[in-house]
PDB file of N, CA and C in Angstrom:
ATOM      1  N   UNK A   1      -8.885  21.941 145.498  1.00  0.00           N
ATOM      2  CA  UNK A   1      -8.852  21.492 144.194  1.00  0.00           C
ATOM      3  C   UNK A   1      -8.933  19.921 144.105  1.00  0.00           C
ATOM      4  N   UNK A   2      -8.290  19.363 145.005  1.00  0.00           N
ATOM      5  CA  UNK A   2      -8.230  17.878 145.047  1.00  0.00           C
ATOM      6  C   UNK A   2      -9.758  17.275 145.346  1.00  0.00           C
ATOM      7  N   UNK A   3     -10.432  18.047 146.135  1.00  0.00           N
ATOM      8  CA  UNK A   3     -11.932  17.579 146.310  1.00  0.00           C
ATOM      9  C   UNK A   3     -12.652  17.531 145.146  1.00  0.00           C
ATOM     10  N   UNK A   4     -12.427  18.402 144.133  1.00  0.00           N
ATOM     11  CA  UNK A   4     -13.199  18.367 142.986  1.00  0.00           C
ATOM     12  C   UNK A   4     -12.593  17.360 142.017  1.00  0.00           C
ATOM     13  N   UNK A   5     -11.426  17.124 142.102  1.00  0.00           N
ATOM     14  CA  UNK A   5     -10.838  16.099 141.216  1.00  0.00           C
ATOM     15  C   UNK A   5     -11.379  14.693 141.631  1.00  0.00           C
ATOM     16  N   UNK A   6     -11.404  14.427 143.029  1.00  0.00           N
ATOM     17  CA  UNK A   6     -11.974  13.226 143.668  1.00  0.00           C
ATOM     18  C   UNK A   6     -13.490  13.071 143.322  1.00  0.00           C
ATOM     19  N   UNK A   7     -14.087  14.103 143.353  1.00  0.00           N
ATOM     20  CA  UNK A   7     -15.625  14.048 142.816  1.00  0.00           C
ATOM     21  C   UNK A   7     -15.748  13.791 141.574  1.00  0.00           C
ATOM     22  N   UNK A   8     -14.989  14.241 140.654  1.00  0.00           N
ATOM     23  CA  UNK A   8     -15.026  14.016 139.234  1.00  0.00           C
ATOM     24  C   UNK A   8     -14.865  12.540 138.945  1.00  0.00           C
ATOM     25  N   UNK A   9     -13.626  12.043 139.542  1.00  0.00           N
ATOM     26  CA  UNK A   9     -13.325  10.769 139.371  1.00  0.00           C
ATOM     27  C   UNK A   9     -14.419   9.812 139.794  1.00  0.00           C
ATOM     28  N   UNK A  10     -15.037  10.112 140.953  1.00  0.00           N
ATOM     29  CA  UNK A  10     -16.086   9.296 141.393  1.00  0.00           C
ATOM     30  C   UNK A  10     -17.300   9.359 140.448  1.00  0.00           C
ATOM     31  N   UNK A  11     -17.714  10.376 139.871  1.00  0.00           N
ATOM     32  CA  UNK A  11     -18.806  10.536 138.918  1.00  0.00           C
ATOM     33  C   UNK A  11     -18.451   9.667 137.645  1.00  0.00           C
ATOM     34  N   UNK A  12     -17.312   9.969 137.119  1.00  0.00           N
ATOM     35  CA  UNK A  12     -16.957   9.170 135.943  1.00  0.00           C
ATOM     36  C   UNK A  12     -16.870   7.669 136.149  1.00  0.00           C
ATOM     37  N   UNK A  13     -16.395   7.224 137.241  1.00  0.00           N
ATOM     38  CA  UNK A  13     -16.470   5.833 137.422  1.00  0.00           C
ATOM     39  C   UNK A  13     -17.905   5.305 137.707  1.00  0.00           C
ATOM     40  N   UNK A  14     -18.729   6.051 138.257  1.00  0.00           N
ATOM     41  CA  UNK A  14     -20.127   5.766 138.437  1.00  0.00           C
ATOM     42  C   UNK A  14     -20.772   5.620 137.035  1.00  0.00           C
ATOM     43  N   UNK A  15     -20.532   6.459 136.158  1.00  0.00           N
ATOM     44  CA  UNK A  15     -21.211   6.433 134.795  1.00  0.00           C
ATOM     45  C   UNK A  15     -20.664   5.273 134.138  1.00  0.00           C
ATOM     46  N   UNK A  16     -19.412   4.951 134.210  1.00  0.00           N
ATOM     47  CA  UNK A  16     -18.919   3.690 133.655  1.00  0.00           C
ATOM     48  C   UNK A  16     -19.619   2.413 134.145  1.00  0.00           C
ATOM     49  N   UNK A  17     -19.711   2.475 135.499  1.00  0.00           N
ATOM     50  CA  UNK A  17     -20.353   1.273 136.220  1.00  0.00           C
ATOM     51  C   UNK A  17     -21.902   1.230 135.791  1.00  0.00           C
ATOM     52  N   UNK A  18     -22.647   2.338 135.655  1.00  0.00           N
ATOM     53  CA  UNK A  18     -23.919   2.225 135.241  1.00  0.00           C
ATOM     54  C   UNK A  18     -24.066   1.669 133.805  1.00  0.00           C
ATOM     55  N   UNK A  19     -23.100   2.172 132.840  1.00  0.00           N
ATOM     56  CA  UNK A  19     -22.998   1.597 131.457  1.00  0.00           C
ATOM     57  C   UNK A  19     -22.875   0.093 131.401  1.00  0.00           C
ATOM     58  N   UNK A  20     -21.977  -0.348 132.338  1.00  0.00           N
ATOM     59  CA  UNK A  20     -21.727  -1.823 132.478  1.00  0.00           C
ATOM     60  C   UNK A  20     -22.913  -2.601 133.044  1.00  0.00           C
ATOM     61  N   UNK A  21     -23.605  -1.832 133.945  1.00  0.00           N
ATOM     62  CA  UNK A  21     -24.833  -2.312 134.437  1.00  0.00           C
ATOM     63  C   UNK A  21     -26.040  -2.585 133.407  1.00  0.00           C
ATOM     64  N   UNK A  22     -26.052  -1.638 132.449  1.00  0.00           N
ATOM     65  CA  UNK A  22     -26.974  -1.839 131.357  1.00  0.00           C
ATOM     66  C   UNK A  22     -26.631  -2.933 130.465  1.00  0.00           C
ATOM     67  N   UNK A  23     -25.220  -2.963 130.258  1.00  0.00           N
ATOM     68  CA  UNK A  23     -24.770  -3.943 129.395  1.00  0.00           C
ATOM     69  C   UNK A  23     -24.757  -5.407 130.014  1.00  0.00           C
ATOM     70  N   UNK A  24     -24.938  -5.498 131.243  1.00  0.00           N
ATOM     71  CA  UNK A  24     -24.987  -6.848 131.890  1.00  0.00           C
ATOM     72  C   UNK A  24     -26.334  -7.599 131.652  1.00  0.00           C
ATOM     73  N   UNK A  25     -27.265  -6.973 130.995  1.00  0.00           N
ATOM     74  CA  UNK A  25     -28.583  -7.571 130.622  1.00  0.00           C
ATOM     75  C   UNK A  25     -29.146  -8.215 131.827  1.00  0.00           C
ATOM     76  N   UNK A  26     -29.504  -7.525 132.798  1.00  0.00           N
ATOM     77  CA  UNK A  26     -30.090  -8.094 134.044  1.00  0.00           C
ATOM     78  C   UNK A  26     -29.279  -9.054 134.813  1.00  0.00           C
ATOM     79  N   UNK A  27     -28.006  -8.671 134.860  1.00  0.00           N
ATOM     80  CA  UNK A  27     -27.074  -9.597 135.578  1.00  0.00           C
ATOM     81  C   UNK A  27     -26.835 -10.980 134.870  1.00  0.00           C
ATOM     82  N   UNK A  28     -27.043 -11.075 133.509  1.00  0.00           N
ATOM     83  CA  UNK A  28     -26.944 -12.413 132.901  1.00  0.00           C
ATOM     84  C   UNK A  28     -25.612 -12.452 132.301  1.00  0.00           C
ATOM     85  N   UNK A  29     -24.786 -11.254 132.216  1.00  0.00           N
ATOM     86  CA  UNK A  29     -23.393 -11.392 131.733  1.00  0.00           C
ATOM     87  C   UNK A  29     -22.477 -11.276 132.996  1.00  0.00           C
ATOM     88  N   UNK A  30     -21.736 -12.297 133.397  1.00  0.00           N
ATOM     89  CA  UNK A  30     -21.089 -12.111 134.619  1.00  0.00           C
ATOM     90  C   UNK A  30     -19.878 -11.142 134.696  1.00  0.00           C
ATOM     91  N   UNK A  31     -19.149 -10.878 133.619  1.00  0.00           N
ATOM     92  CA  UNK A  31     -18.179  -9.944 133.522  1.00  0.00           C
ATOM     93  C   UNK A  31     -18.545  -8.519 133.606  1.00  0.00           C
ATOM     94  N   UNK A  32     -19.640  -8.237 132.923  1.00  0.00           N
ATOM     95  CA  UNK A  32     -20.187  -6.900 132.997  1.00  0.00           C
ATOM     96  C   UNK A  32     -20.799  -6.603 134.330  1.00  0.00           C
ATOM     97  N   UNK A  33     -21.437  -7.664 134.937  1.00  0.00           N
ATOM     98  CA  UNK A  33     -21.969  -7.524 136.267  1.00  0.00           C
ATOM     99  C   UNK A  33     -20.900  -7.321 137.301  1.00  0.00           C
ATOM    100  N   UNK A  34     -19.818  -8.074 137.276  1.00  0.00           N
ATOM    101  CA  UNK A  34     -18.713  -7.992 138.099  1.00  0.00           C
ATOM    102  C   UNK A  34     -18.058  -6.585 138.011  1.00  0.00           C
ATOM    103  N   UNK A  35     -17.953  -6.131 136.797  1.00  0.00           N
ATOM    104  CA  UNK A  35     -17.285  -4.886 136.573  1.00  0.00           C
ATOM    105  C   UNK A  35     -18.176  -3.731 137.072  1.00  0.00           C
ATOM    106  N   UNK A  36     -19.415  -3.885 136.881  1.00  0.00           N
ATOM    107  CA  UNK A  36     -20.287  -2.779 137.367  1.00  0.00           C
ATOM    108  C   UNK A  36     -20.305  -2.734 138.902  1.00  0.00           C
ATOM    109  N   UNK A  37     -20.339  -3.817 139.537  1.00  0.00           N
ATOM    110  CA  UNK A  37     -20.376  -3.864 140.992  1.00  0.00           C
ATOM    111  C   UNK A  37     -19.121  -3.401 141.550  1.00  0.00           C
ATOM    112  N   UNK A  38     -17.984  -3.743 140.930  1.00  0.00           N
ATOM    113  CA  UNK A  38     -16.643  -3.312 141.384  1.00  0.00           C
ATOM    114  C   UNK A  38     -16.416  -1.791 141.242  1.00  0.00           C
ATOM    115  N   UNK A  39     -16.963  -1.345 140.182  1.00  0.00           N
ATOM    116  CA  UNK A  39     -16.806   0.110 139.754  1.00  0.00           C
ATOM    117  C   UNK A  39     -17.726   0.904 140.698  1.00  0.00           C
ATOM    118  N   UNK A  40     -18.979   0.409 140.955  1.00  0.00           N
ATOM    119  CA  UNK A  40     -19.664   1.121 142.026  1.00  0.00           C
ATOM    120  C   UNK A  40     -19.063   1.227 143.387  1.00  0.00           C
ATOM    121  N   UNK A  41     -18.458   0.303 143.801  1.00  0.00           N
ATOM    122  CA  UNK A  41     -17.851   0.235 145.147  1.00  0.00           C
ATOM    123  C   UNK A  41     -16.622   1.253 145.057  1.00  0.00           C
ATOM    124  N   UNK A  42     -15.911   1.276 143.948  1.00  0.00           N
ATOM    125  CA  UNK A  42     -14.695   2.297 143.828  1.00  0.00           C
ATOM    126  C   UNK A  42     -15.316   3.748 143.727  1.00  0.00           C
ATOM    127  N   UNK A  43     -16.465   3.972 143.068  1.00  0.00           N
ATOM    128  CA  UNK A  43     -17.061   5.184 143.009  1.00  0.00           C
ATOM    129  C   UNK A  43     -17.468   5.761 144.313  1.00  0.00           C
ATOM    130  N   UNK A  44     -18.099   4.766 145.157  1.00  0.00           N
ATOM    131  CA  UNK A  44     -18.595   5.192 146.500  1.00  0.00           C
ATOM    132  C   UNK A  44     -17.407   5.524 147.361  1.00  0.00           C
ATOM    133  N   UNK A  45     -16.281   4.745 147.199  1.00  0.00           N
ATOM    134  CA  UNK A  45     -15.033   5.057 148.033  1.00  0.00           C
ATOM    135  C   UNK A  45     -14.578   6.470 147.703  1.00  0.00           C
ATOM    136  N   UNK A  46     -14.526   6.866 146.519  1.00  0.00           N
ATOM    137  CA  UNK A  46     -14.150   8.275 146.167  1.00  0.00           C
ATOM    138  C   UNK A  46     -15.088   9.251 146.684  1.00  0.00           C
ATOM    139  N   UNK A  47     -16.291   8.871 146.580  1.00  0.00           N
ATOM    140  CA  UNK A  47     -17.499   9.765 147.095  1.00  0.00           C
ATOM    141  C   UNK A  47     -17.378   9.987 148.566  1.00  0.00           C
ATOM    142  N   UNK A  48     -17.029   8.878 149.199  1.00  0.00           N
ATOM    143  CA  UNK A  48     -16.947   9.002 150.712  1.00  0.00           C
ATOM    144  C   UNK A  48     -15.812   9.850 151.106  1.00  0.00           C
ATOM    145  N   UNK A  49     -14.737   9.802 150.360  1.00  0.00           N
ATOM    146  CA  UNK A  49     -13.541  10.728 150.665  1.00  0.00           C
ATOM    147  C   UNK A  49     -13.955  12.133 150.537  1.00  0.00           C
ATOM    148  N   UNK A  50     -14.638  12.466 149.499  1.00  0.00           N
ATOM    149  CA  UNK A  50     -15.173  13.848 149.219  1.00  0.00           C
ATOM    150  C   UNK A  50     -16.120  14.314 150.310  1.00  0.00           C
ATOM    151  N   UNK A  51     -16.845  13.447 150.905  1.00  0.00           N
ATOM    152  CA  UNK A  51     -17.834  13.693 151.936  1.00  0.00           C
ATOM    153  C   UNK A  51     -17.182  14.046 153.257  1.00  0.00           C
ATOM    154  N   UNK A  52     -15.824  13.779 153.330  1.00  0.00           N
ATOM    155  CA  UNK A  52     -15.124  14.367 154.516  1.00  0.00           C
ATOM    156  C   UNK A  52     -14.768  15.727 154.425  1.00  0.00           C
ATOM    157  N   UNK A  53     -14.845  16.296 153.109  1.00  0.00           N
ATOM    158  CA  UNK A  53     -14.363  17.666 152.942  1.00  0.00           C
ATOM    159  C   UNK A  53     -15.540  18.544 152.540  1.00  0.00           C
ATOM    160  N   UNK A  54     -16.649  18.058 152.181  1.00  0.00           N
ATOM    161  CA  UNK A  54     -17.892  18.833 151.725  1.00  0.00           C
ATOM    162  C   UNK A  54     -19.033  18.209 152.409  1.00  0.00           C
ATOM    163  N   UNK A  55     -20.148  18.905 152.527  1.00  0.00           N
ATOM    164  CA  UNK A  55     -21.355  18.465 153.100  1.00  0.00           C
ATOM    165  C   UNK A  55     -21.909  17.294 152.222  1.00  0.00           C
ATOM    166  N   UNK A  56     -22.493  16.413 152.884  1.00  0.00           N
ATOM    167  CA  UNK A  56     -23.049  15.185 152.192  1.00  0.00           C
ATOM    168  C   UNK A  56     -24.173  15.446 151.200  1.00  0.00           C
ATOM    169  N   UNK A  57     -25.017  16.440 151.485  1.00  0.00           N
ATOM    170  CA  UNK A  57     -26.053  16.977 150.456  1.00  0.00           C
ATOM    171  C   UNK A  57     -25.421  17.605 149.244  1.00  0.00           C
ATOM    172  N   UNK A  58     -24.520  18.334 149.430  1.00  0.00           N
ATOM    173  CA  UNK A  58     -23.765  18.949 148.294  1.00  0.00           C
ATOM    174  C   UNK A  58     -23.169  18.002 147.391  1.00  0.00           C
ATOM    175  N   UNK A  59     -22.355  17.141 148.045  1.00  0.00           N
ATOM    176  CA  UNK A  59     -21.628  16.041 147.280  1.00  0.00           C
ATOM    177  C   UNK A  59     -22.828  15.203 146.574  1.00  0.00           C
ATOM    178  N   UNK A  60     -23.771  14.744 147.163  1.00  0.00           N
ATOM    179  CA  UNK A  60     -24.665  13.838 146.562  1.00  0.00           C
ATOM    180  C   UNK A  60     -25.461  14.638 145.457  1.00  0.00           C
ATOM    181  N   UNK A  61     -25.867  15.876 145.676  1.00  0.00           N
ATOM    182  CA  UNK A  61     -26.527  16.655 144.591  1.00  0.00           C
ATOM    183  C   UNK A  61     -25.642  16.694 143.344  1.00  0.00           C
ATOM    184  N   UNK A  62     -24.441  17.027 143.611  1.00  0.00           N
ATOM    185  CA  UNK A  62     -23.486  17.049 142.394  1.00  0.00           C
ATOM    186  C   UNK A  62     -23.288  15.688 141.732  1.00  0.00           C
ATOM    187  N   UNK A  63     -22.953  14.735 142.650  1.00  0.00           N
ATOM    188  CA  UNK A  63     -22.699  13.411 142.158  1.00  0.00           C
ATOM    189  C   UNK A  63     -23.825  12.834 141.325  1.00  0.00           C
ATOM    190  N   UNK A  64     -24.967  12.899 141.981  1.00  0.00           N
ATOM    191  CA  UNK A  64     -26.182  12.315 141.264  1.00  0.00           C
ATOM    192  C   UNK A  64     -26.544  13.084 139.973  1.00  0.00           C
ATOM    193  N   UNK A  65     -26.610  14.489 140.243  1.00  0.00           N
ATOM    194  CA  UNK A  65     -26.913  15.330 138.958  1.00  0.00           C
ATOM    195  C   UNK A  65     -26.017  15.100 137.790  1.00  0.00           C
ATOM    196  N   UNK A  66     -24.826  15.214 138.127  1.00  0.00           N
ATOM    197  CA  UNK A  66     -23.850  15.036 136.870  1.00  0.00           C
ATOM    198  C   UNK A  66     -23.815  13.582 136.366  1.00  0.00           C
ATOM    199  N   UNK A  67     -24.087  12.711 137.263  1.00  0.00           N
ATOM    200  CA  UNK A  67     -24.193  11.334 136.817  1.00  0.00           C
ATOM    201  C   UNK A  67     -25.306  11.155 135.922  1.00  0.00           C
ATOM    202  N   UNK A  68     -26.371  11.788 136.323  1.00  0.00           N
ATOM    203  CA  UNK A  68     -27.763  11.617 135.436  1.00  0.00           C
ATOM    204  C   UNK A  68     -27.403  12.174 134.033  1.00  0.00           C
ATOM    205  N   UNK A  69     -26.829  13.356 134.020  1.00  0.00           N
ATOM    206  CA  UNK A  69     -26.499  14.164 132.779  1.00  0.00           C
ATOM    207  C   UNK A  69     -25.551  13.292 131.877  1.00  0.00           C
ATOM    208  N   UNK A  70     -24.382  12.821 132.583  1.00  0.00           N
ATOM    209  CA  UNK A  70     -23.532  12.027 131.681  1.00  0.00           C
ATOM    210  C   UNK A  70     -23.993  10.704 131.228  1.00  0.00           C
ATOM    211  N   UNK A  71     -24.841   9.997 132.084  1.00  0.00           N
ATOM    212  CA  UNK A  71     -25.195   8.658 131.734  1.00  0.00           C
ATOM    213  C   UNK A  71     -26.449   8.827 130.672  1.00  0.00           C
ATOM    214  N   UNK A  72     -27.088   9.905 130.753  1.00  0.00           N
ATOM    215  CA  UNK A  72     -28.065  10.155 129.682  1.00  0.00           C
ATOM    216  C   UNK A  72     -27.386  10.426 128.305  1.00  0.00           C
ATOM    217  N   UNK A  73     -26.268  11.172 128.306  1.00  0.00           N
ATOM    218  CA  UNK A  73     -25.355  11.287 127.055  1.00  0.00           C
ATOM    219  C   UNK A  73     -24.948   9.984 126.606  1.00  0.00           C
ATOM    220  N   UNK A  74     -24.482   9.238 127.544  1.00  0.00           N
ATOM    221  CA  UNK A  74     -23.888   7.856 127.208  1.00  0.00           C
ATOM    222  C   UNK A  74     -25.058   7.020 126.474  1.00  0.00           C
ATOM    223  N   UNK A  75     -26.255   7.045 127.161  1.00  0.00           N
ATOM    224  CA  UNK A  75     -27.464   6.325 126.520  1.00  0.00           C
ATOM    225  C   UNK A  75     -27.807   6.834 125.134  1.00  0.00           C
ATOM    226  N   UNK A  76     -27.779   8.110 124.878  1.00  0.00           N
ATOM    227  CA  UNK A  76     -27.905   8.631 123.557  1.00  0.00           C
ATOM    228  C   UNK A  76     -26.945   8.156 122.496  1.00  0.00           C
ATOM    229  N   UNK A  77     -25.662   8.423 122.940  1.00  0.00           N
ATOM    230  CA  UNK A  77     -24.434   8.232 122.097  1.00  0.00           C
ATOM    231  C   UNK A  77     -24.184   6.730 121.899  1.00  0.00           C
ATOM    232  N   UNK A  78     -24.028   5.991 123.053  1.00  0.00           N
ATOM    233  CA  UNK A  78     -23.595   4.611 123.002  1.00  0.00           C
ATOM    234  C   UNK A  78     -24.592   3.653 122.803  1.00  0.00           C
ATOM    235  N   UNK A  79     -25.845   3.766 123.474  1.00  0.00           N
ATOM    236  CA  UNK A  79     -26.876   2.784 123.400  1.00  0.00           C
ATOM    237  C   UNK A  79     -28.029   3.151 122.425  1.00  0.00           C
ATOM    238  N   UNK A  80     -27.749   4.310 121.809  1.00  0.00           N
ATOM    239  CA  UNK A  80     -28.812   4.751 120.761  1.00  0.00           C
ATOM    240  C   UNK A  80     -30.148   4.884 121.390  1.00  0.00           C
ATOM    241  N   UNK A  81     -30.208   5.426 122.480  1.00  0.00           N
ATOM    242  CA  UNK A  81     -31.527   5.734 123.266  1.00  0.00           C
ATOM    243  C   UNK A  81     -32.106   7.103 122.760  1.00  0.00           C
ATOM    244  N   UNK A  82     -33.263   7.232 122.918  1.00  0.00           N
ATOM    245  CA  UNK A  82     -33.791   8.613 122.413  1.00  0.00           C
ATOM    246  C   UNK A  82     -34.318   9.366 123.724  1.00  0.00           C
ATOM    247  N   UNK A  83     -34.055  10.667 123.719  1.00  0.00           N
ATOM    248  CA  UNK A  83     -34.774  11.455 124.885  1.00  0.00           C
ATOM    249  C   UNK A  83     -35.796  12.340 124.289  1.00  0.00           C
ATOM    250  N   UNK A  84     -36.972  12.327 125.001  1.00  0.00           N
ATOM    251  CA  UNK A  84     -37.973  13.223 124.616  1.00  0.00           C
ATOM    252  C   UNK A  84     -37.765  14.689 125.110  1.00  0.00           C
ATOM    253  N   UNK A  85     -38.588  15.670 124.714  1.00  0.00           N
ATOM    254  CA  UNK A  85     -38.473  17.086 125.175  1.00  0.00           C
ATOM    255  C   UNK A  85     -38.539  17.210 126.584  1.00  0.00           C
ATOM    256  N   UNK A  86     -39.403  16.500 127.283  1.00  0.00           N
ATOM    257  CA  UNK A  86     -39.501  16.559 128.776  1.00  0.00           C
ATOM    258  C   UNK A  86     -38.256  16.128 129.460  1.00  0.00           C
ATOM    259  N   UNK A  87     -37.593  15.041 128.963  1.00  0.00           N
ATOM    260  CA  UNK A  87     -36.356  14.507 129.441  1.00  0.00           C
ATOM    261  C   UNK A  87     -35.163  15.576 129.211  1.00  0.00           C
ATOM    262  N   UNK A  88     -35.124  16.237 128.114  1.00  0.00           N
ATOM    263  CA  UNK A  88     -34.226  17.160 127.859  1.00  0.00           C
ATOM    264  C   UNK A  88     -34.301  18.424 128.723  1.00  0.00           C
ATOM    265  N   UNK A  89     -35.600  18.844 128.935  1.00  0.00           N
ATOM    266  CA  UNK A  89     -35.905  19.990 129.886  1.00  0.00           C
ATOM    267  C   UNK A  89     -35.334  19.619 131.282  1.00  0.00           C
ATOM    268  N   UNK A  90     -35.731  18.367 131.685  1.00  0.00           N
ATOM    269  CA  UNK A  90     -35.446  17.956 133.027  1.00  0.00           C
ATOM    270  C   UNK A  90     -33.917  17.899 133.177  1.00  0.00           C
ATOM    271  N   UNK A  91     -33.136  17.467 132.332  1.00  0.00           N
ATOM    272  CA  UNK A  91     -31.787  17.375 132.358  1.00  0.00           C
ATOM    273  C   UNK A  91     -31.162  18.768 132.307  1.00  0.00           C
ATOM    274  N   UNK A  92     -31.740  19.721 131.556  1.00  0.00           N
ATOM    275  CA  UNK A  92     -31.303  21.016 131.739  1.00  0.00           C
ATOM    276  C   UNK A  92     -31.439  21.732 133.024  1.00  0.00           C
ATOM    277  N   UNK A  93     -32.622  21.354 133.774  1.00  0.00           N
ATOM    278  CA  UNK A  93     -32.788  21.819 134.983  1.00  0.00           C
ATOM    279  C   UNK A  93     -31.784  21.177 136.101  1.00  0.00           C
ATOM    280  N   UNK A  94     -31.506  19.959 135.810  1.00  0.00           N
ATOM    281  CA  UNK A  94     -30.486  19.381 136.709  1.00  0.00           C
ATOM    282  C   UNK A  94     -29.128  20.053 136.508  1.00  0.00           C
ATOM    283  N   UNK A  95     -28.744  20.430 135.296  1.00  0.00           N
ATOM    284  CA  UNK A  95     -27.499  21.093 135.120  1.00  0.00           C
ATOM    285  C   UNK A  95     -27.655  22.538 135.763  1.00  0.00           C
ATOM    286  N   UNK A  96     -28.782  23.188 135.618  1.00  0.00           N
ATOM    287  CA  UNK A  96     -28.947  24.441 136.309  1.00  0.00           C
ATOM    288  C   UNK A  96     -28.766  24.349 137.877  1.00  0.00           C
ATOM    289  N   UNK A  97     -29.267  23.265 138.311  1.00  0.00           N
ATOM    290  CA  UNK A  97     -29.236  23.146 139.853  1.00  0.00           C
ATOM    291  C   UNK A  97     -27.863  22.838 140.350  1.00  0.00           C
ATOM    292  N   UNK A  98     -27.116  22.082 139.605  1.00  0.00           N
ATOM    293  CA  UNK A  98     -25.605  21.893 139.878  1.00  0.00           C
ATOM    294  C   UNK A  98     -24.873  23.169 139.729  1.00  0.00           C
ATOM    295  N   UNK A  99     -25.185  23.981 138.734  1.00  0.00           N
ATOM    296  CA  UNK A  99     -24.598  25.249 138.512  1.00  0.00           C
ATOM    297  C   UNK A  99     -24.878  26.221 139.518  1.00  0.00           C
ATOM    298  N   UNK A 100     -26.155  26.315 140.093  1.00  0.00           N
ATOM    299  CA  UNK A 100     -26.391  27.167 141.188  1.00  0.00           C
ATOM    300  C   UNK A 100     -25.654  26.737 142.344  1.00  0.00           C
ATOM    301  N   UNK A 101     -25.582  25.511 142.735  1.00  0.00           N
ATOM    302  CA  UNK A 101     -24.899  25.031 143.843  1.00  0.00           C
ATOM    303  C   UNK A 101     -23.438  25.430 143.802  1.00  0.00           C
ATOM    304  N   UNK A 102     -22.824  25.273 142.645  1.00  0.00           N
ATOM    305  CA  UNK A 102     -21.362  25.496 142.600  1.00  0.00           C
ATOM    306  C   UNK A 102     -21.168  27.051 142.520  1.00  0.00           C
ATOM    307  N   UNK A 103     -22.009  27.841 141.860  1.00  0.00           N
ATOM    308  CA  UNK A 103     -21.673  29.218 141.746  1.00  0.00           C
ATOM    309  C   UNK A 103     -22.180  30.039 142.921  1.00  0.00           C
ATOM    310  N   UNK A 104     -23.189  29.712 143.727  1.00  0.00           N
ATOM    311  CA  UNK A 104     -23.700  30.525 144.631  1.00  0.00           C
ATOM    312  C   UNK A 104     -23.821  29.967 146.050  1.00  0.00           C
ATOM    313  N   UNK A 105     -23.740  28.693 146.156  1.00  0.00           N
ATOM    314  CA  UNK A 105     -23.848  28.063 147.586  1.00  0.00           C
ATOM    315  C   UNK A 105     -22.453  28.307 148.325  1.00  0.00           C
ATOM    316  N   UNK A 106     -22.572  28.696 149.537  1.00  0.00           N
ATOM    317  CA  UNK A 106     -21.458  28.863 150.359  1.00  0.00           C
ATOM    318  C   UNK A 106     -21.267  27.566 151.158  1.00  0.00           C
ATOM    319  N   UNK A 107     -22.158  26.635 150.924  1.00  0.00           N
ATOM    320  CA  UNK A 107     -21.949  25.234 151.522  1.00  0.00           C
ATOM    321  C   UNK A 107     -20.897  24.506 150.722  1.00  0.00           C
ATOM    322  N   UNK A 108     -20.745  24.714 149.447  1.00  0.00           N
ATOM    323  CA  UNK A 108     -19.891  23.871 148.719  1.00  0.00           C
ATOM    324  C   UNK A 108     -18.379  24.257 148.672  1.00  0.00           C
ATOM    325  N   UNK A 109     -18.184  25.416 149.558  1.00  0.00           N
ATOM    326  CA  UNK A 109     -16.719  25.851 149.849  1.00  0.00           C
ATOM    327  C   UNK A 109     -16.414  25.325 151.103  1.00  0.00           C
ATOM    328  N   UNK A 110     -15.230  24.786 151.067  1.00  0.00           N
ATOM    329  CA  UNK A 110     -14.702  24.131 152.442  1.00  0.00           C
ATOM    330  C   UNK A 110     -13.272  24.771 152.675  1.00  0.00           C
TER     331      UNK A 110
END
């Protein structure tokens, strides 16, 4: 259970870091930039801990897939960005892929 909590923490921190990266306006806002870089390091730290318990491919697939889904939601809600039909279909496929890994893969059980 702790593995999944650490992975969730890593994903949430990465989404916050990416939001700050967007708000950094191309590294022109020092506090946003420093926050983004610090949070990315923290996210990688937690991800590295999870990689000692699960295969790297599984961890990265879930981490990146859920990160894409969550940052897309943040983009729509917080940054008022629009997603077209192709983006929504792609995000749905990512969610499906993460679900398949979690529900059916024996590699994700440690």
